[in-house]
Amino acid sequence: MTRCGWTSEDSLMIEYHDKEWGFPVHDDRLLFEYMILDAFQAGLSWRTVLHKRENFRKAFDNFDPKKIAKYGKKDYERLVNDEGIIRNKAKINSAIINAERFLEVAKEFGSFDKYIWQFTGGETKVNKFRELSEIPAKSVGSDEMSRALIKRGFKFVGSTICYAFMQASGMVNDHLVDCFRHKGVLKSIAF
């Protein structure tokens, strides 16, 4: 079975690749989780973040934006001292701010899903890359998403982070064409 080479031999990375990465997500809670985890990944490897994911879920109330938006100084201090997560103060602060902004967008558009998928016209953009080196770090769509989110007050949403979010949430299908999941993702898309 051929899969994208970034998984290496790491069983957690393989499971994430095979069962999540690139499949279209329309659940607001999961979209928020991806947004937060992709922000924490900035400057680090996805493997590092993925191996701390369960700790993040516990520390951040299962990524419930309503709960996180209410975090105060005590919660912030708890997170800064939590050895199970990435204890970057700016990223922790951005998670709280982004929860507030996320809820504002969801209220305005009826769901965050309705808002965020507009950056790909409501459909998965299917790429046909043959080599990992062909996959970009950002795109015109991620540039637009980044500018729009920053304008709304989101933090840690640069174009590269937005592109990683688009990949994770299935807004783009960047599975290599010879990867068994490239076609599997295509079958999950409703055109």
C-alpha atoms as a PDB file:
ATOM      1  CA  MET A   1       0.000   0.000   0.000  1.00  0.00           C
ATOM      2  CA  THR A   2       1.469   3.351  -1.041  1.00  0.00           C
ATOM      3  CA  ARG A   3       0.936   6.403   1.154  1.00  0.00           C
ATOM      4  CA  CYS A   4       2.392   9.902   1.346  1.00  0.00           C
ATOM      5  CA  GLY A   5       6.006   9.750   2.501  1.00  0.00           C
ATOM      6  CA  TRP A   6       5.693  12.267   5.345  1.00  0.00           C
ATOM      7  CA  THR A   7       4.202   9.626   7.631  1.00  0.00           C
ATOM      8  CA  SER A   8       7.564   7.810   7.959  1.00  0.00           C
ATOM      9  CA  GLU A   9       7.270   4.736  10.192  1.00  0.00           C
ATOM     10  CA  ASP A  10       5.407   6.543  12.980  1.00  0.00           C
ATOM     11  CA  SER A  11       2.196   4.626  13.762  1.00  0.00           C
ATOM     12  CA  LEU A  12       0.335   7.733  14.985  1.00  0.00           C
ATOM     13  CA  MET A  13       1.296   9.682  11.858  1.00  0.00           C
ATOM     14  CA  ILE A  14       0.187   6.754   9.683  1.00  0.00           C
ATOM     15  CA  GLU A  15      -3.175   6.540  11.455  1.00  0.00           C
ATOM     16  CA  TYR A  16      -3.707  10.301  11.137  1.00  0.00           C
ATOM     17  CA  HIS A  17      -2.782  10.175   7.438  1.00  0.00           C
ATOM     18  CA  ASP A  18      -5.018   7.180   6.718  1.00  0.00           C
ATOM     19  CA  LYS A  19      -8.095   8.241   8.710  1.00  0.00           C
ATOM     20  CA  GLU A  20      -8.143  12.045   8.938  1.00  0.00           C
ATOM     21  CA  TRP A  21      -5.754  14.145   6.878  1.00  0.00           C
ATOM     22  CA  GLY A  22      -7.367  15.598   3.815  1.00  0.00           C
ATOM     23  CA  PHE A  23     -10.882  14.316   4.390  1.00  0.00           C
ATOM     24  CA  PRO A  24     -13.497  17.095   4.213  1.00  0.00           C
ATOM     25  CA  VAL A  25     -14.498  18.307   7.686  1.00  0.00           C
ATOM     26  CA  HIS A  26     -17.701  20.239   8.325  1.00  0.00           C
ATOM     27  CA  ASP A  27     -17.937  19.852  12.093  1.00  0.00           C
ATOM     28  CA  ASP A  28     -17.225  23.169  13.834  1.00  0.00           C
ATOM     29  CA  ARG A  29     -15.599  21.619  16.891  1.00  0.00           C
ATOM     30  CA  LEU A  30     -13.176  19.596  14.786  1.00  0.00           C
ATOM     31  CA  LEU A  31     -12.440  22.607  12.566  1.00  0.00           C
ATOM     32  CA  PHE A  32     -11.586  24.559  15.713  1.00  0.00           C
ATOM     33  CA  GLU A  33      -9.348  21.746  16.924  1.00  0.00           C
ATOM     34  CA  TYR A  34      -7.432  21.740  13.637  1.00  0.00           C
ATOM     35  CA  MET A  35      -7.109  25.514  13.744  1.00  0.00           C
ATOM     36  CA  ILE A  36      -5.638  25.458  17.246  1.00  0.00           C
ATOM     37  CA  LEU A  37      -3.314  22.504  16.613  1.00  0.00           C
ATOM     38  CA  ASP A  38      -2.035  24.006  13.365  1.00  0.00           C
ATOM     39  CA  ALA A  39      -1.241  27.248  15.217  1.00  0.00           C
ATOM     40  CA  PHE A  40       0.692  25.314  17.859  1.00  0.00           C
ATOM     41  CA  GLN A  41       2.605  23.554  15.080  1.00  0.00           C
ATOM     42  CA  ALA A  42       4.150  26.849  13.863  1.00  0.00           C
ATOM     43  CA  GLY A  43       7.910  26.355  13.944  1.00  0.00           C
ATOM     44  CA  LEU A  44       7.591  22.717  15.012  1.00  0.00           C
ATOM     45  CA  SER A  45       6.905  19.374  13.351  1.00  0.00           C
ATOM     46  CA  TRP A  46       3.411  17.967  12.982  1.00  0.00           C
ATOM     47  CA  ARG A  47       4.694  14.805  14.652  1.00  0.00           C
ATOM     48  CA  THR A  48       5.433  16.791  17.835  1.00  0.00           C
ATOM     49  CA  VAL A  49       1.921  18.224  17.914  1.00  0.00           C
ATOM     50  CA  LEU A  50       0.210  14.956  17.010  1.00  0.00           C
ATOM     51  CA  HIS A  51       1.949  13.097  19.827  1.00  0.00           C
ATOM     52  CA  LYS A  52       0.640  15.715  22.286  1.00  0.00           C
ATOM     53  CA  ARG A  53      -2.874  15.849  20.801  1.00  0.00           C
ATOM     54  CA  GLU A  54      -4.580  13.918  23.598  1.00  0.00           C
ATOM     55  CA  ASN A  55      -2.892  16.139  26.168  1.00  0.00           C
ATOM     56  CA  PHE A  56      -4.122  19.186  24.246  1.00  0.00           C
ATOM     57  CA  ARG A  57      -7.662  17.782  24.221  1.00  0.00           C
ATOM     58  CA  LYS A  58      -7.590  17.385  28.012  1.00  0.00           C
ATOM     59  CA  ALA A  59      -5.952  20.751  28.637  1.00  0.00           C
ATOM     60  CA  PHE A  60      -8.281  22.645  26.275  1.00  0.00           C
ATOM     61  CA  ASP A  61     -11.636  21.101  27.275  1.00  0.00           C
ATOM     62  CA  ASN A  62     -11.786  18.931  24.135  1.00  0.00           C
ATOM     63  CA  PHE A  63     -11.386  22.087  22.045  1.00  0.00           C
ATOM     64  CA  ASP A  64     -14.792  23.437  22.997  1.00  0.00           C
ATOM     65  CA  PRO A  65     -14.602  27.060  21.796  1.00  0.00           C
ATOM     66  CA  LYS A  66     -17.385  28.157  24.169  1.00  0.00           C
ATOM     67  CA  LYS A  67     -15.396  26.987  27.188  1.00  0.00           C
ATOM     68  CA  ILE A  68     -12.058  28.260  25.902  1.00  0.00           C
ATOM     69  CA  ALA A  69     -13.481  31.707  25.122  1.00  0.00           C
ATOM     70  CA  LYS A  70     -14.262  32.038  28.839  1.00  0.00           C
ATOM     71  CA  TYR A  71     -10.735  31.164  29.990  1.00  0.00           C
ATOM     72  CA  GLY A  72      -9.281  33.673  32.396  1.00  0.00           C
ATOM     73  CA  LYS A  73      -5.913  34.211  34.032  1.00  0.00           C
ATOM     74  CA  LYS A  74      -6.189  31.017  36.106  1.00  0.00           C
ATOM     75  CA  ASP A  75      -6.760  28.880  32.993  1.00  0.00           C
ATOM     76  CA  TYR A  76      -3.948  30.648  31.162  1.00  0.00           C
ATOM     77  CA  GLU A  77      -1.541  29.929  34.039  1.00  0.00           C
ATOM     78  CA  ARG A  78      -2.701  26.303  34.154  1.00  0.00           C
ATOM     79  CA  LEU A  79      -1.924  25.909  30.465  1.00  0.00           C
ATOM     80  CA  VAL A  80       1.443  27.657  30.678  1.00  0.00           C
ATOM     81  CA  ASN A  81       2.433  25.156  33.368  1.00  0.00           C
ATOM     82  CA  ASP A  82       1.029  22.048  31.632  1.00  0.00           C
ATOM     83  CA  GLU A  83       4.024  19.923  30.614  1.00  0.00           C
ATOM     84  CA  GLY A  84       1.820  17.762  28.393  1.00  0.00           C
ATOM     85  CA  ILE A  85       1.285  20.497  25.809  1.00  0.00           C
ATOM     86  CA  ILE A  86       3.444  23.027  23.996  1.00  0.00           C
ATOM     87  CA  ARG A  87       3.783  25.802  26.570  1.00  0.00           C
ATOM     88  CA  ASN A  88       4.236  28.758  24.270  1.00  0.00           C
ATOM     89  CA  LYS A  89       2.593  31.761  25.948  1.00  0.00           C
ATOM     90  CA  ALA A  90       1.746  33.545  22.692  1.00  0.00           C
ATOM     91  CA  LYS A  91       0.172  30.416  21.207  1.00  0.00           C
ATOM     92  CA  ILE A  92      -1.838  29.737  24.366  1.00  0.00           C
ATOM     93  CA  ASN A  93      -3.086  33.314  24.382  1.00  0.00           C
ATOM     94  CA  SER A  94      -3.966  33.059  20.690  1.00  0.00           C
ATOM     95  CA  ALA A  95      -6.042  29.916  21.337  1.00  0.00           C
ATOM     96  CA  ILE A  96      -8.193  31.862  23.789  1.00  0.00           C
ATOM     97  CA  ILE A  97      -8.519  34.860  21.463  1.00  0.00           C
ATOM     98  CA  ASN A  98      -9.263  32.598  18.496  1.00  0.00           C
ATOM     99  CA  ALA A  99     -12.030  30.848  20.437  1.00  0.00           C
ATOM    100  CA  GLU A 100     -13.727  34.227  20.899  1.00  0.00           C
ATOM    101  CA  ARG A 101     -13.311  35.140  17.212  1.00  0.00           C
ATOM    102  CA  PHE A 102     -14.417  31.644  16.134  1.00  0.00           C
ATOM    103  CA  LEU A 103     -17.692  32.018  18.036  1.00  0.00           C
ATOM    104  CA  GLU A 104     -18.281  35.461  16.530  1.00  0.00           C
ATOM    105  CA  VAL A 105     -17.832  34.085  13.019  1.00  0.00           C
ATOM    106  CA  ALA A 106     -20.057  31.079  13.757  1.00  0.00           C
ATOM    107  CA  LYS A 107     -22.785  33.372  15.045  1.00  0.00           C
ATOM    108  CA  GLU A 108     -22.535  35.685  12.038  1.00  0.00           C
ATOM    109  CA  PHE A 109     -22.559  32.925   9.400  1.00  0.00           C
ATOM    110  CA  GLY A 110     -24.606  30.267  11.190  1.00  0.00           C
ATOM    111  CA  SER A 111     -21.489  28.091  11.580  1.00  0.00           C
ATOM    112  CA  PHE A 112     -17.753  28.474  11.187  1.00  0.00           C
ATOM    113  CA  ASP A 113     -17.951  25.763   8.538  1.00  0.00           C
ATOM    114  CA  LYS A 114     -20.113  27.959   6.279  1.00  0.00           C
ATOM    115  CA  TYR A 115     -17.617  30.787   6.590  1.00  0.00           C
ATOM    116  CA  ILE A 116     -14.335  28.927   6.180  1.00  0.00           C
ATOM    117  CA  TRP A 117     -15.301  26.763   3.203  1.00  0.00           C
ATOM    118  CA  GLN A 118     -15.987  29.875   1.121  1.00  0.00           C
ATOM    119  CA  PHE A 119     -12.223  30.072   0.526  1.00  0.00           C
ATOM    120  CA  THR A 120     -12.453  27.025  -1.740  1.00  0.00           C
ATOM    121  CA  GLY A 121     -15.916  27.755  -3.118  1.00  0.00           C
ATOM    122  CA  GLY A 122     -17.449  25.135  -0.823  1.00  0.00           C
ATOM    123  CA  GLU A 123     -15.568  22.275  -2.491  1.00  0.00           C
ATOM    124  CA  THR A 124     -12.310  20.436  -1.989  1.00  0.00           C
ATOM    125  CA  LYS A 125      -9.577  21.644  -4.323  1.00  0.00           C
ATOM    126  CA  VAL A 126      -8.026  18.463  -5.701  1.00  0.00           C
ATOM    127  CA  ASN A 127      -4.311  18.686  -6.406  1.00  0.00           C
ATOM    128  CA  LYS A 128      -2.398  16.098  -8.393  1.00  0.00           C
ATOM    129  CA  PHE A 129       1.065  16.202  -6.914  1.00  0.00           C
ATOM    130  CA  ARG A 130       3.428  13.317  -7.572  1.00  0.00           C
ATOM    131  CA  GLU A 131       6.249  14.331  -5.195  1.00  0.00           C
ATOM    132  CA  LEU A 132       6.229  15.807  -1.678  1.00  0.00           C
ATOM    133  CA  SER A 133       8.468  18.583  -2.985  1.00  0.00           C
ATOM    134  CA  GLU A 134       5.615  19.781  -5.225  1.00  0.00           C
ATOM    135  CA  ILE A 135       3.270  20.471  -2.308  1.00  0.00           C
ATOM    136  CA  PRO A 136       3.287  24.200  -1.542  1.00  0.00           C
ATOM    137  CA  ALA A 137       3.556  25.737   1.920  1.00  0.00           C
ATOM    138  CA  LYS A 138       0.794  28.205   1.033  1.00  0.00           C
ATOM    139  CA  SER A 139      -1.541  29.147  -1.795  1.00  0.00           C
ATOM    140  CA  VAL A 140      -3.598  32.036  -3.092  1.00  0.00           C
ATOM    141  CA  GLY A 141      -6.534  30.618  -1.124  1.00  0.00           C
ATOM    142  CA  SER A 142      -4.548  30.379   2.105  1.00  0.00           C
ATOM    143  CA  ASP A 143      -3.292  33.942   1.555  1.00  0.00           C
ATOM    144  CA  GLU A 144      -6.900  35.127   1.256  1.00  0.00           C
ATOM    145  CA  MET A 145      -7.988  33.102   4.281  1.00  0.00           C
ATOM    146  CA  SER A 146      -5.116  34.458   6.364  1.00  0.00           C
ATOM    147  CA  ARG A 147      -5.887  38.090   5.494  1.00  0.00           C
ATOM    148  CA  ALA A 148      -9.590  37.602   6.230  1.00  0.00           C
ATOM    149  CA  LEU A 149      -8.978  35.889   9.583  1.00  0.00           C
ATOM    150  CA  ILE A 150      -6.403  38.481  10.664  1.00  0.00           C
ATOM    151  CA  LYS A 151      -8.873  41.235   9.764  1.00  0.00           C
ATOM    152  CA  ARG A 152     -11.381  39.543  12.091  1.00  0.00           C
ATOM    153  CA  GLY A 153      -8.833  39.508  14.932  1.00  0.00           C
ATOM    154  CA  PHE A 154      -7.583  35.910  14.786  1.00  0.00           C
ATOM    155  CA  LYS A 155      -3.978  35.257  15.837  1.00  0.00           C
ATOM    156  CA  PHE A 156      -1.409  32.734  14.526  1.00  0.00           C
ATOM    157  CA  VAL A 157      -3.230  32.440  11.212  1.00  0.00           C
ATOM    158  CA  GLY A 158      -0.502  33.215   8.717  1.00  0.00           C
ATOM    159  CA  SER A 159      -0.811  31.817   5.206  1.00  0.00           C
ATOM    160  CA  THR A 160       1.353  28.746   5.942  1.00  0.00           C
ATOM    161  CA  ILE A 161      -0.729  27.877   9.019  1.00  0.00           C
ATOM    162  CA  CYS A 162      -3.914  28.409   7.004  1.00  0.00           C
ATOM    163  CA  TYR A 163      -2.654  26.100   4.261  1.00  0.00           C
ATOM    164  CA  ALA A 164      -1.871  23.379   6.809  1.00  0.00           C
ATOM    165  CA  PHE A 165      -5.416  23.872   8.148  1.00  0.00           C
ATOM    166  CA  MET A 166      -6.826  23.576   4.615  1.00  0.00           C
ATOM    167  CA  GLN A 167      -4.907  20.328   4.114  1.00  0.00           C
ATOM    168  CA  ALA A 168      -6.007  18.850   7.440  1.00  0.00           C
ATOM    169  CA  SER A 169      -9.668  19.779   7.017  1.00  0.00           C
ATOM    170  CA  GLY A 170      -9.913  18.544   3.445  1.00  0.00           C
ATOM    171  CA  MET A 171     -10.338  21.935   1.822  1.00  0.00           C
ATOM    172  CA  VAL A 172      -7.460  20.810  -0.373  1.00  0.00           C
ATOM    173  CA  ASN A 173      -6.538  17.236  -1.228  1.00  0.00           C
ATOM    174  CA  ASP A 174      -2.750  17.100  -1.152  1.00  0.00           C
ATOM    175  CA  HIS A 175      -2.417  13.335  -0.953  1.00  0.00           C
ATOM    176  CA  LEU A 176       0.046  12.343  -3.648  1.00  0.00           C
ATOM    177  CA  VAL A 177      -1.632  10.793  -6.678  1.00  0.00           C
ATOM    178  CA  ASP A 178      -0.054   7.398  -6.028  1.00  0.00           C
ATOM    179  CA  CYS A 179      -1.178   7.430  -2.371  1.00  0.00           C
ATOM    180  CA  PHE A 180      -4.078   5.076  -1.716  1.00  0.00           C
ATOM    181  CA  ARG A 181      -5.885   7.905   0.091  1.00  0.00           C
ATOM    182  CA  HIS A 182      -5.882  10.277  -2.893  1.00  0.00           C
ATOM    183  CA  LYS A 183      -8.768   8.385  -4.479  1.00  0.00           C
ATOM    184  CA  GLY A 184     -10.332   7.635  -1.072  1.00  0.00           C
ATOM    185  CA  VAL A 185     -10.580  11.333  -0.360  1.00  0.00           C
ATOM    186  CA  LEU A 186     -12.022  11.920  -3.827  1.00  0.00           C
ATOM    187  CA  LYS A 187     -14.770   9.392  -3.123  1.00  0.00           C
ATOM    188  CA  SER A 188     -15.719  11.240   0.081  1.00  0.00           C
ATOM    189  CA  ILE A 189     -16.289  14.529  -1.734  1.00  0.00           C
ATOM    190  CA  ALA A 190     -19.846  15.353  -2.721  1.00  0.00           C
ATOM    191  CA  PHE A 191     -19.771  17.268  -6.004  1.00  0.00           C
END
